[in-house]
Protein backbone atom coordinates (compact mmCIF):
# COMPACT_ATOMS: atom_id res chain seq x y z
CA MET A 1 46.30 35.29 41.71
CA SER A 2 45.94 34.77 37.98
CA PHE A 3 48.52 33.93 35.38
CA PRO A 4 48.91 35.80 32.08
CA ASN A 5 47.04 34.27 29.16
CA ARG A 6 50.23 33.35 27.41
CA PRO A 7 52.77 30.61 28.00
CA TRP A 8 55.87 31.59 29.93
CA THR A 9 59.01 29.87 30.98
CA THR A 10 61.17 30.34 34.03
CA PRO A 11 64.85 29.59 33.48
CA ALA A 12 66.50 27.01 35.69
CA PRO A 13 67.91 28.90 38.67
CA PRO A 14 71.54 28.51 39.68
CA PRO A 15 72.00 26.00 42.51
CA SER A 16 72.44 28.74 45.12
CA ARG A 17 69.03 30.22 44.26
CA ARG A 18 67.16 26.91 44.00
CA GLY A 19 65.53 27.18 47.44
CA ARG A 20 64.22 30.70 46.76
CA ALA A 21 62.98 29.73 43.30
CA ALA A 22 61.21 26.65 44.68
CA ALA A 23 59.46 28.75 47.34
CA GLY A 24 58.36 31.26 44.72
CA LEU A 25 57.19 28.52 42.37
CA GLY A 26 55.24 26.84 45.17
CA GLY A 27 53.50 30.10 46.08
CA LEU A 28 52.71 30.85 42.45
CA LEU A 29 51.17 27.44 41.85
CA LEU A 30 49.19 27.39 45.06
CA ALA A 31 46.41 29.58 43.71
CA ALA A 32 46.00 27.48 40.57
CA LEU A 33 46.26 24.04 42.13
CA ALA A 34 44.91 24.33 45.66
CA ALA A 35 41.23 24.58 44.80
CA PRO A 36 39.51 21.56 46.34
CA VAL A 37 38.15 18.71 44.24
CA THR A 38 36.22 17.18 47.15
CA PRO A 39 35.53 18.39 50.69
CA ALA A 40 38.23 16.01 51.96
CA ALA A 41 40.74 17.58 49.56
CA ALA A 42 39.91 21.10 50.77
CA ALA A 43 42.65 21.00 53.39
CA GLU A 44 45.22 19.41 51.07
CA ARG A 45 47.53 22.05 49.68
CA ILE A 46 49.51 21.11 46.57
CA ASN A 47 53.18 22.07 46.34
CA LEU A 48 55.51 21.66 43.37
CA ASP A 49 59.29 21.92 43.31
CA ALA A 50 61.31 21.71 40.07
CA ASP A 51 64.38 23.05 38.30
CA ARG A 52 62.24 24.48 35.46
CA ALA A 53 58.56 25.32 34.94
CA GLU A 54 56.58 26.13 31.80
CA ILE A 55 53.08 27.25 32.83
CA ASN A 56 50.32 27.89 30.27
CA ASN A 57 47.23 29.28 32.01
CA ALA A 58 45.26 29.46 28.76
CA THR A 59 45.44 25.69 28.22
CA GLY A 60 45.70 24.65 31.87
CA VAL A 61 48.77 22.54 31.07
CA SER A 62 52.10 23.04 32.83
CA VAL A 63 55.37 21.15 32.35
CA TYR A 64 57.97 20.82 35.12
CA THR A 65 61.41 19.30 34.62
CA GLY A 66 64.44 18.45 36.73
CA ASP A 67 63.96 16.49 39.97
CA VAL A 68 60.26 17.39 40.18
CA VAL A 69 58.43 16.85 43.47
CA LEU A 70 54.66 17.23 43.91
CA THR A 71 53.15 16.88 47.38
CA ARG A 72 49.45 16.76 48.22
CA GLY A 73 48.43 15.90 51.77
CA GLY A 74 50.14 12.63 52.69
CA ARG A 75 51.02 11.86 49.05
CA ARG A 76 54.27 12.61 47.23
CA ILE A 77 55.05 12.15 43.52
CA THR A 78 58.55 12.51 42.07
CA GLY A 79 60.06 12.22 38.60
CA GLU A 80 62.29 13.91 36.04
CA ARG A 81 59.40 15.38 34.01
CA MET A 82 55.88 16.14 35.19
CA THR A 83 53.00 17.45 33.07
CA VAL A 84 50.18 18.90 35.17
CA TYR A 85 46.66 19.25 33.72
CA LEU A 86 44.13 21.61 35.33
CA ASP A 87 40.35 21.82 34.90
CA GLY A 88 38.45 25.09 34.98
CA SER A 89 39.60 28.64 34.38
CA GLY A 90 40.99 31.60 36.28
CA ASP A 91 40.87 31.20 40.06
CA GLN A 92 38.54 28.19 39.73
CA GLN A 93 41.18 25.81 38.37
CA THR A 94 41.48 22.41 40.03
CA LEU A 95 43.99 19.63 39.59
CA ASP A 96 42.73 17.07 37.06
CA HIS A 97 45.68 14.77 36.46
CA VAL A 98 49.46 14.54 36.29
CA VAL A 99 51.69 12.54 33.91
CA VAL A 100 55.10 11.70 35.37
CA GLU A 101 58.18 10.29 33.65
CA GLY A 102 61.34 9.24 35.44
CA GLU A 103 63.79 6.50 36.10
CA PRO A 104 61.66 5.75 38.00
CA ALA A 105 58.64 7.95 38.65
CA VAL A 106 57.69 7.39 42.30
CA TYR A 107 54.43 7.73 44.28
CA THR A 108 54.36 7.46 48.07
CA GLN A 109 51.42 7.67 50.44
CA GLN A 110 51.77 7.88 54.20
CA GLY A 111 50.11 5.17 56.25
CA THR A 112 47.21 5.82 58.61
CA GLU A 113 45.57 3.80 61.35
CA GLU A 114 43.17 2.37 58.73
CA ARG A 115 45.62 1.92 55.84
CA ARG A 116 49.15 0.71 55.31
CA PRO A 117 51.68 3.03 53.62
CA VAL A 118 51.96 2.73 49.84
CA GLU A 119 55.04 3.10 47.64
CA ALA A 120 54.80 2.76 43.86
CA GLU A 121 57.27 3.19 41.01
CA ALA A 122 57.34 2.86 37.24
CA PRO A 123 59.08 4.47 34.25
CA ARG A 124 55.79 6.31 33.49
CA MET A 125 52.97 7.16 35.87
CA GLU A 126 49.60 8.92 35.71
CA TYR A 127 47.96 10.39 38.82
CA TYR A 128 44.26 11.36 38.69
CA ALA A 129 43.07 13.68 41.47
CA SER A 130 39.42 12.56 41.31
CA GLY A 131 36.87 10.33 39.63
CA PRO A 132 38.15 8.30 41.67
CA GLU A 133 41.60 9.35 42.90
CA ARG A 134 44.04 6.82 41.42
CA VAL A 135 47.60 6.15 40.26
CA ILE A 136 48.31 4.23 37.04
CA LEU A 137 51.78 2.71 36.62
CA LEU A 138 52.87 2.01 33.04
CA ASN A 139 55.73 0.19 31.30
CA GLY A 140 56.36 -2.15 34.23
CA GLY A 141 55.55 -1.02 37.73
CA LYS A 142 55.69 -2.09 41.34
CA VAL A 143 53.43 -1.28 44.29
CA VAL A 144 54.42 -2.00 47.88
CA GLN A 145 51.50 -1.75 50.31
CA GLY A 146 52.73 -2.41 53.81
CA ARG A 147 54.84 -5.51 53.15
CA ASN A 148 52.69 -6.78 50.26
CA THR A 149 54.12 -6.29 46.75
CA PHE A 150 52.48 -6.22 43.33
CA THR A 151 54.36 -6.07 40.01
CA GLY A 152 53.05 -5.96 36.46
CA GLU A 153 53.26 -4.18 33.14
CA ARG A 154 50.27 -1.98 34.07
CA ILE A 155 49.09 -1.41 37.63
CA GLU A 156 46.22 0.77 38.74
CA TYR A 157 46.04 1.73 42.42
CA ASN A 158 42.66 3.20 43.35
CA VAL A 159 43.56 5.51 46.24
CA THR A 160 39.93 6.13 47.16
CA ALA A 161 38.97 2.43 47.45
CA ASP A 162 42.46 1.20 48.45
CA VAL A 163 42.40 -1.38 45.63
CA VAL A 164 45.29 -2.61 43.43
CA ASP A 165 44.62 -3.94 39.89
CA ALA A 166 47.78 -5.40 38.30
CA ARG A 167 47.98 -6.95 34.84
CA SER A 168 50.40 -7.99 32.16
CA GLU A 169 50.14 -6.80 28.59
CA PRO A 170 49.06 -9.36 25.95
CA ASP A 171 52.37 -9.16 24.03
CA SER A 172 54.57 -9.30 27.14
CA ASP A 173 56.42 -12.26 28.64
CA ARG A 174 56.15 -10.70 32.08
CA ARG A 175 53.37 -11.93 34.31
CA VAL A 176 51.82 -10.28 37.32
CA GLN A 177 53.65 -11.20 40.52
CA ILE A 178 52.15 -10.73 43.97
CA THR A 179 53.64 -11.39 47.40
CA LEU A 180 51.19 -11.22 50.31
CA PHE A 181 51.86 -11.38 54.02
CA PRO A 182 49.28 -12.37 56.62
CA GLU A 183 47.94 -9.63 58.86
CA ASP A 184 50.43 -8.76 61.55
CA ASP A 185 50.12 -7.23 64.99
CA GLY A 186 51.71 -3.95 63.87
CA ASP A 187 55.30 -4.76 64.85
CA GLY A 188 56.30 -5.66 61.29
CA GLU A 189 56.62 -9.38 62.01
CA SER A 190 54.15 -11.91 60.59
CA GLU A 191 52.50 -14.36 62.94
């Protein structure tokens, strides 16, 4: 499926039609966003749900507003406004990165046997689909990984390497705060 080479806007549907509009929007975006970035991402479909969408196929930039939800595999990103940037053209477009604004913008990642679940929030967030896959929290963010917490003015969570880099800004009074728990036996209680 290809989009016209001009920007277009879909009006916000009335509440009773929201479910149908979301399903149509998800199907429409699937062709543009579902192209794999890596072999592991090949099976990860991307779905978007929003009250309003402005899609510009010529530039590869789309803006979604109103309780926006993006899901990709075991990851979920939510916010009030989401700008999606694609690489490539036509049917060969792939997800490059997403800029999310919200009060707060939220990123969640399901846990696996090898990794603890991750929840992150900040007023502004950037998600990069590759090179490596990562989430950058701006303007004061918080990451909860299992029971461990990290707060700072700018936090980068490298999804690929499972690494958190938190820092304060030079002109800020806020310092990085970290709370770590010892490894547990999986029942949620520390030893």
